[in-house]
Amino acid sequence: MSDSMKLSLEQKFTIRSFETEVQAMSHEQAQEFLVKLYEQMMIKDNMYQYFIRHQWGIDSPPSM
């Protein structure tokens, strides 16, 4: 893996902190959290797609 793809020390610390929070959750809380996290990931993907289409000028269908 290239250096640009590796996590920074700060990111590793954040992951460790997140791990501690997740361990304190109940099973139900963790399930709800995962569903919300997955939804946010999908929204982020949609935003990236929108920004790329907009930047490349392909964000609107051709007019007839």
PDB file of N, CA and C in Angstrom:
ATOM      1  N   MET A   1       0.847  -1.172   0.000  1.00  0.00           N
ATOM      2  CA  MET A   1       0.000   0.000   0.000  1.00  0.00           C
ATOM      3  C   MET A   1       0.892   1.235   0.000  1.00  0.00           C
ATOM      4  N   SER A   2       0.547   2.195  -0.839  1.00  0.00           N
ATOM      5  CA  SER A   2       1.342   3.412  -0.915  1.00  0.00           C
ATOM      6  C   SER A   2       1.144   4.258   0.342  1.00  0.00           C
ATOM      7  N   ASP A   3       2.102   5.127   0.590  1.00  0.00           N
ATOM      8  CA  ASP A   3       2.031   5.986   1.779  1.00  0.00           C
ATOM      9  C   ASP A   3       0.783   6.857   1.780  1.00  0.00           C
ATOM     10  N   SER A   4       0.320   7.265   0.599  1.00  0.00           N
ATOM     11  CA  SER A   4      -0.858   8.121   0.533  1.00  0.00           C
ATOM     12  C   SER A   4      -2.136   7.380   0.926  1.00  0.00           C
ATOM     13  N   MET A   5      -2.093   6.054   0.912  1.00  0.00           N
ATOM     14  CA  MET A   5      -3.270   5.257   1.258  1.00  0.00           C
ATOM     15  C   MET A   5      -3.252   4.808   2.721  1.00  0.00           C
ATOM     16  N   LYS A   6      -2.140   5.026   3.405  1.00  0.00           N
ATOM     17  CA  LYS A   6      -2.025   4.612   4.801  1.00  0.00           C
ATOM     18  C   LYS A   6      -2.691   5.634   5.710  1.00  0.00           C
ATOM     19  N   LEU A   7      -3.114   5.168   6.870  1.00  0.00           N
ATOM     20  CA  LEU A   7      -3.742   6.054   7.850  1.00  0.00           C
ATOM     21  C   LEU A   7      -2.685   6.831   8.619  1.00  0.00           C
ATOM     22  N   SER A   8      -3.015   8.076   8.921  1.00  0.00           N
ATOM     23  CA  SER A   8      -2.119   8.895   9.739  1.00  0.00           C
ATOM     24  C   SER A   8      -2.235   8.450  11.197  1.00  0.00           C
ATOM     25  N   LEU A   9      -1.321   8.905  12.007  1.00  0.00           N
ATOM     26  CA  LEU A   9      -1.355   8.592  13.428  1.00  0.00           C
ATOM     27  C   LEU A   9      -2.646   9.114  14.051  1.00  0.00           C
ATOM     28  N   GLU A  10      -3.061  10.296  13.642  1.00  0.00           N
ATOM     29  CA  GLU A  10      -4.313  10.874  14.153  1.00  0.00           C
ATOM     30  C   GLU A  10      -5.513  10.004  13.764  1.00  0.00           C
ATOM     31  N   GLN A  11      -5.530   9.514  12.537  1.00  0.00           N
ATOM     32  CA  GLN A  11      -6.625   8.644  12.088  1.00  0.00           C
ATOM     33  C   GLN A  11      -6.628   7.336  12.865  1.00  0.00           C
ATOM     34  N   LYS A  12      -5.457   6.781  13.121  1.00  0.00           N
ATOM     35  CA  LYS A  12      -5.373   5.548  13.919  1.00  0.00           C
ATOM     36  C   LYS A  12      -5.898   5.775  15.326  1.00  0.00           C
ATOM     37  N   PHE A  13      -5.566   6.932  15.906  1.00  0.00           N
ATOM     38  CA  PHE A  13      -6.073   7.270  17.230  1.00  0.00           C
ATOM     39  C   PHE A  13      -7.595   7.385  17.210  1.00  0.00           C
ATOM     40  N   THR A  14      -8.135   8.023  16.170  1.00  0.00           N
ATOM     41  CA  THR A  14      -9.580   8.184  16.038  1.00  0.00           C
ATOM     42  C   THR A  14     -10.262   6.821  15.936  1.00  0.00           C
ATOM     43  N   ILE A  15      -9.672   5.910  15.200  1.00  0.00           N
ATOM     44  CA  ILE A  15     -10.237   4.564  15.079  1.00  0.00           C
ATOM     45  C   ILE A  15     -10.235   3.863  16.427  1.00  0.00           C
ATOM     46  N   ARG A  16      -9.167   4.008  17.179  1.00  0.00           N
ATOM     47  CA  ARG A  16      -9.086   3.375  18.500  1.00  0.00           C
ATOM     48  C   ARG A  16     -10.141   3.957  19.430  1.00  0.00           C
ATOM     49  N   SER A  17     -10.335   5.255  19.381  1.00  0.00           N
ATOM     50  CA  SER A  17     -11.356   5.906  20.191  1.00  0.00           C
ATOM     51  C   SER A  17     -12.745   5.411  19.794  1.00  0.00           C
ATOM     52  N   PHE A  18     -12.975   5.289  18.486  1.00  0.00           N
ATOM     53  CA  PHE A  18     -14.248   4.791  17.969  1.00  0.00           C
ATOM     54  C   PHE A  18     -14.484   3.354  18.435  1.00  0.00           C
ATOM     55  N   GLU A  19     -13.438   2.547  18.402  1.00  0.00           N
ATOM     56  CA  GLU A  19     -13.544   1.155  18.853  1.00  0.00           C
ATOM     57  C   GLU A  19     -13.996   1.090  20.305  1.00  0.00           C
ATOM     58  N   THR A  20     -13.458   1.964  21.132  1.00  0.00           N
ATOM     59  CA  THR A  20     -13.841   2.006  22.543  1.00  0.00           C
ATOM     60  C   THR A  20     -15.318   2.375  22.694  1.00  0.00           C
ATOM     61  N   GLU A  21     -15.778   3.341  21.908  1.00  0.00           N
ATOM     62  CA  GLU A  21     -17.187   3.737  21.959  1.00  0.00           C
ATOM     63  C   GLU A  21     -18.103   2.593  21.537  1.00  0.00           C
ATOM     64  N   VAL A  22     -17.735   1.897  20.471  1.00  0.00           N
ATOM     65  CA  VAL A  22     -18.563   0.807  19.955  1.00  0.00           C
ATOM     66  C   VAL A  22     -18.654  -0.328  20.970  1.00  0.00           C
ATOM     67  N   GLN A  23     -17.566  -0.614  21.635  1.00  0.00           N
ATOM     68  CA  GLN A  23     -17.572  -1.691  22.630  1.00  0.00           C
ATOM     69  C   GLN A  23     -18.529  -1.399  23.776  1.00  0.00           C
ATOM     70  N   ALA A  24     -18.790  -0.130  24.039  1.00  0.00           N
ATOM     71  CA  ALA A  24     -19.692   0.249  25.127  1.00  0.00           C
ATOM     72  C   ALA A  24     -21.161   0.225  24.707  1.00  0.00           C
ATOM     73  N   MET A  25     -21.426   0.035  23.400  1.00  0.00           N
ATOM     74  CA  MET A  25     -22.808   0.036  22.901  1.00  0.00           C
ATOM     75  C   MET A  25     -23.479  -1.314  23.149  1.00  0.00           C
ATOM     76  N   SER A  26     -24.794  -1.254  23.312  1.00  0.00           N
ATOM     77  CA  SER A  26     -25.560  -2.502  23.346  1.00  0.00           C
ATOM     78  C   SER A  26     -25.645  -3.048  21.922  1.00  0.00           C
ATOM     79  N   HIS A  27     -26.078  -4.282  21.801  1.00  0.00           N
ATOM     80  CA  HIS A  27     -26.219  -4.911  20.488  1.00  0.00           C
ATOM     81  C   HIS A  27     -27.179  -4.103  19.611  1.00  0.00           C
ATOM     82  N   GLU A  28     -28.296  -3.671  20.180  1.00  0.00           N
ATOM     83  CA  GLU A  28     -29.288  -2.907  19.438  1.00  0.00           C
ATOM     84  C   GLU A  28     -28.740  -1.546  19.012  1.00  0.00           C
ATOM     85  N   GLN A  29     -28.018  -0.891  19.912  1.00  0.00           N
ATOM     86  CA  GLN A  29     -27.422   0.400  19.576  1.00  0.00           C
ATOM     87  C   GLN A  29     -26.417   0.253  18.431  1.00  0.00           C
ATOM     88  N   ALA A  30     -25.628  -0.806  18.489  1.00  0.00           N
ATOM     89  CA  ALA A  30     -24.632  -1.037  17.444  1.00  0.00           C
ATOM     90  C   ALA A  30     -25.309  -1.297  16.098  1.00  0.00           C
ATOM     91  N   GLN A  31     -26.399  -2.043  16.102  1.00  0.00           N
ATOM     92  CA  GLN A  31     -27.123  -2.308  14.857  1.00  0.00           C
ATOM     93  C   GLN A  31     -27.689  -1.021  14.273  1.00  0.00           C
ATOM     94  N   GLU A  32     -28.316  -0.204  15.111  1.00  0.00           N
ATOM     95  CA  GLU A  32     -28.862   1.071  14.643  1.00  0.00           C
ATOM     96  C   GLU A  32     -27.744   1.967  14.109  1.00  0.00           C
ATOM     97  N   PHE A  33     -26.634   1.986  14.811  1.00  0.00           N
ATOM     98  CA  PHE A  33     -25.509   2.799  14.394  1.00  0.00           C
ATOM     99  C   PHE A  33     -24.984   2.355  13.030  1.00  0.00           C
ATOM    100  N   LEU A  34     -24.867   1.056  12.827  1.00  0.00           N
ATOM    101  CA  LEU A  34     -24.376   0.539  11.549  1.00  0.00           C
ATOM    102  C   LEU A  34     -25.291   0.911  10.392  1.00  0.00           C
ATOM    103  N   VAL A  35     -26.589   0.842  10.601  1.00  0.00           N
ATOM    104  CA  VAL A  35     -27.535   1.205   9.553  1.00  0.00           C
ATOM    105  C   VAL A  35     -27.384   2.687   9.209  1.00  0.00           C
ATOM    106  N   LYS A  36     -27.293   3.542  10.222  1.00  0.00           N
ATOM    107  CA  LYS A  36     -27.120   4.981   9.981  1.00  0.00           C
ATOM    108  C   LYS A  36     -25.775   5.270   9.295  1.00  0.00           C
ATOM    109  N   LEU A  37     -24.735   4.569   9.713  1.00  0.00           N
ATOM    110  CA  LEU A  37     -23.423   4.740   9.101  1.00  0.00           C
ATOM    111  C   LEU A  37     -23.458   4.340   7.626  1.00  0.00           C
ATOM    112  N   TYR A  38     -24.122   3.233   7.327  1.00  0.00           N
ATOM    113  CA  TYR A  38     -24.231   2.775   5.946  1.00  0.00           C
ATOM    114  C   TYR A  38     -24.990   3.794   5.098  1.00  0.00           C
ATOM    115  N   GLU A  39     -26.056   4.353   5.663  1.00  0.00           N
ATOM    116  CA  GLU A  39     -26.828   5.381   4.969  1.00  0.00           C
ATOM    117  C   GLU A  39     -25.947   6.602   4.672  1.00  0.00           C
ATOM    118  N   GLN A  40     -25.162   7.023   5.650  1.00  0.00           N
ATOM    119  CA  GLN A  40     -24.272   8.167   5.450  1.00  0.00           C
ATOM    120  C   GLN A  40     -23.217   7.875   4.395  1.00  0.00           C
ATOM    121  N   MET A  41     -22.725   6.647   4.344  1.00  0.00           N
ATOM    122  CA  MET A  41     -21.755   6.267   3.318  1.00  0.00           C
ATOM    123  C   MET A  41     -22.370   6.365   1.926  1.00  0.00           C
ATOM    124  N   MET A  42     -23.619   5.959   1.800  1.00  0.00           N
ATOM    125  CA  MET A  42     -24.306   6.027   0.514  1.00  0.00           C
ATOM    126  C   MET A  42     -24.518   7.489   0.103  1.00  0.00           C
ATOM    127  N   ILE A  43     -24.891   8.332   1.058  1.00  0.00           N
ATOM    128  CA  ILE A  43     -25.074   9.760   0.778  1.00  0.00           C
ATOM    129  C   ILE A  43     -23.752  10.369   0.326  1.00  0.00           C
ATOM    130  N   LYS A  44     -22.658  10.013   1.013  1.00  0.00           N
ATOM    131  CA  LYS A  44     -21.337  10.514   0.636  1.00  0.00           C
ATOM    132  C   LYS A  44     -20.994  10.079  -0.797  1.00  0.00           C
ATOM    133  N   ASP A  45     -21.268   8.824  -1.139  1.00  0.00           N
ATOM    134  CA  ASP A  45     -21.025   8.347  -2.505  1.00  0.00           C
ATOM    135  C   ASP A  45     -21.824   9.161  -3.517  1.00  0.00           C
ATOM    136  N   ASN A  46     -23.089   9.432  -3.198  1.00  0.00           N
ATOM    137  CA  ASN A  46     -23.929  10.230  -4.092  1.00  0.00           C
ATOM    138  C   ASN A  46     -23.362  11.639  -4.263  1.00  0.00           C
ATOM    139  N   MET A  47     -22.862  12.208  -3.171  1.00  0.00           N
ATOM    140  CA  MET A  47     -22.280  13.547  -3.256  1.00  0.00           C
ATOM    141  C   MET A  47     -21.033  13.541  -4.126  1.00  0.00           C
ATOM    142  N   TYR A  48     -20.167  12.551  -3.960  1.00  0.00           N
ATOM    143  CA  TYR A  48     -18.973  12.445  -4.805  1.00  0.00           C
ATOM    144  C   TYR A  48     -19.366  12.334  -6.268  1.00  0.00           C
ATOM    145  N   GLN A  49     -20.353  11.489  -6.562  1.00  0.00           N
ATOM    146  CA  GLN A  49     -20.802  11.324  -7.947  1.00  0.00           C
ATOM    147  C   GLN A  49     -21.338  12.640  -8.499  1.00  0.00           C
ATOM    148  N   TYR A  50     -22.131  13.349  -7.698  1.00  0.00           N
ATOM    149  CA  TYR A  50     -22.675  14.625  -8.126  1.00  0.00           C
ATOM    150  C   TYR A  50     -21.558  15.621  -8.425  1.00  0.00           C
ATOM    151  N   PHE A  51     -20.601  15.741  -7.498  1.00  0.00           N
ATOM    152  CA  PHE A  51     -19.511  16.706  -7.679  1.00  0.00           C
ATOM    153  C   PHE A  51     -18.655  16.365  -8.894  1.00  0.00           C
ATOM    154  N   ILE A  52     -18.396  15.092  -9.111  1.00  0.00           N
ATOM    155  CA  ILE A  52     -17.599  14.695 -10.276  1.00  0.00           C
ATOM    156  C   ILE A  52     -18.362  14.996 -11.559  1.00  0.00           C
ATOM    157  N   ARG A  53     -19.651  14.638 -11.603  1.00  0.00           N
ATOM    158  CA  ARG A  53     -20.448  14.932 -12.801  1.00  0.00           C
ATOM    159  C   ARG A  53     -20.494  16.441 -13.053  1.00  0.00           C
ATOM    160  N   HIS A  54     -20.678  17.216 -11.986  1.00  0.00           N
ATOM    161  CA  HIS A  54     -20.732  18.669 -12.120  1.00  0.00           C
ATOM    162  C   HIS A  54     -19.393  19.216 -12.613  1.00  0.00           C
ATOM    163  N   GLN A  55     -18.309  18.746 -12.036  1.00  0.00           N
ATOM    164  CA  GLN A  55     -16.977  19.214 -12.422  1.00  0.00           C
ATOM    165  C   GLN A  55     -16.670  18.858 -13.876  1.00  0.00           C
ATOM    166  N   TRP A  56     -17.099  17.706 -14.328  1.00  0.00           N
ATOM    167  CA  TRP A  56     -16.826  17.264 -15.696  1.00  0.00           C
ATOM    168  C   TRP A  56     -17.863  17.773 -16.693  1.00  0.00           C
ATOM    169  N   GLY A  57     -18.880  18.487 -16.181  1.00  0.00           N
ATOM    170  CA  GLY A  57     -19.886  19.045 -17.055  1.00  0.00           C
ATOM    171  C   GLY A  57     -20.876  18.033 -17.617  1.00  0.00           C
ATOM    172  N   ILE A  58     -21.069  16.956 -16.900  1.00  0.00           N
ATOM    173  CA  ILE A  58     -22.017  15.932 -17.352  1.00  0.00           C
ATOM    174  C   ILE A  58     -23.176  15.770 -16.367  1.00  0.00           C
ATOM    175  N   ASP A  59     -23.436  16.837 -15.615  1.00  0.00           N
ATOM    176  CA  ASP A  59     -24.453  16.766 -14.577  1.00  0.00           C
ATOM    177  C   ASP A  59     -25.867  17.002 -15.046  1.00  0.00           C
ATOM    178  N   SER A  60     -26.044  17.454 -16.259  1.00  0.00           N
ATOM    179  CA  SER A  60     -27.406  17.682 -16.749  1.00  0.00           C
ATOM    180  C   SER A  60     -27.586  16.930 -18.068  1.00  0.00           C
ATOM    181  N   PRO A  61     -28.784  16.372 -18.264  1.00  0.00           N
ATOM    182  CA  PRO A  61     -29.040  15.649 -19.506  1.00  0.00           C
ATOM    183  C   PRO A  61     -29.058  16.627 -20.695  1.00  0.00           C
ATOM    184  N   PRO A  62     -28.716  16.152 -21.876  1.00  0.00           N
ATOM    185  CA  PRO A  62     -28.733  17.052 -23.049  1.00  0.00           C
ATOM    186  C   PRO A  62     -30.150  17.573 -23.314  1.00  0.00           C
ATOM    187  N   SER A  63     -30.241  18.833 -23.710  1.00  0.00           N
ATOM    188  CA  SER A  63     -31.560  19.415 -24.013  1.00  0.00           C
ATOM    189  C   SER A  63     -31.972  19.061 -25.434  1.00  0.00           C
ATOM    190  N   MET A  64     -33.274  18.902 -25.579  1.00  0.00           N
ATOM    191  CA  MET A  64     -33.803  18.521 -26.891  1.00  0.00           C
ATOM    192  C   MET A  64     -34.532  19.659 -27.519  1.00  0.00           C
TER     193      MET A  64
END
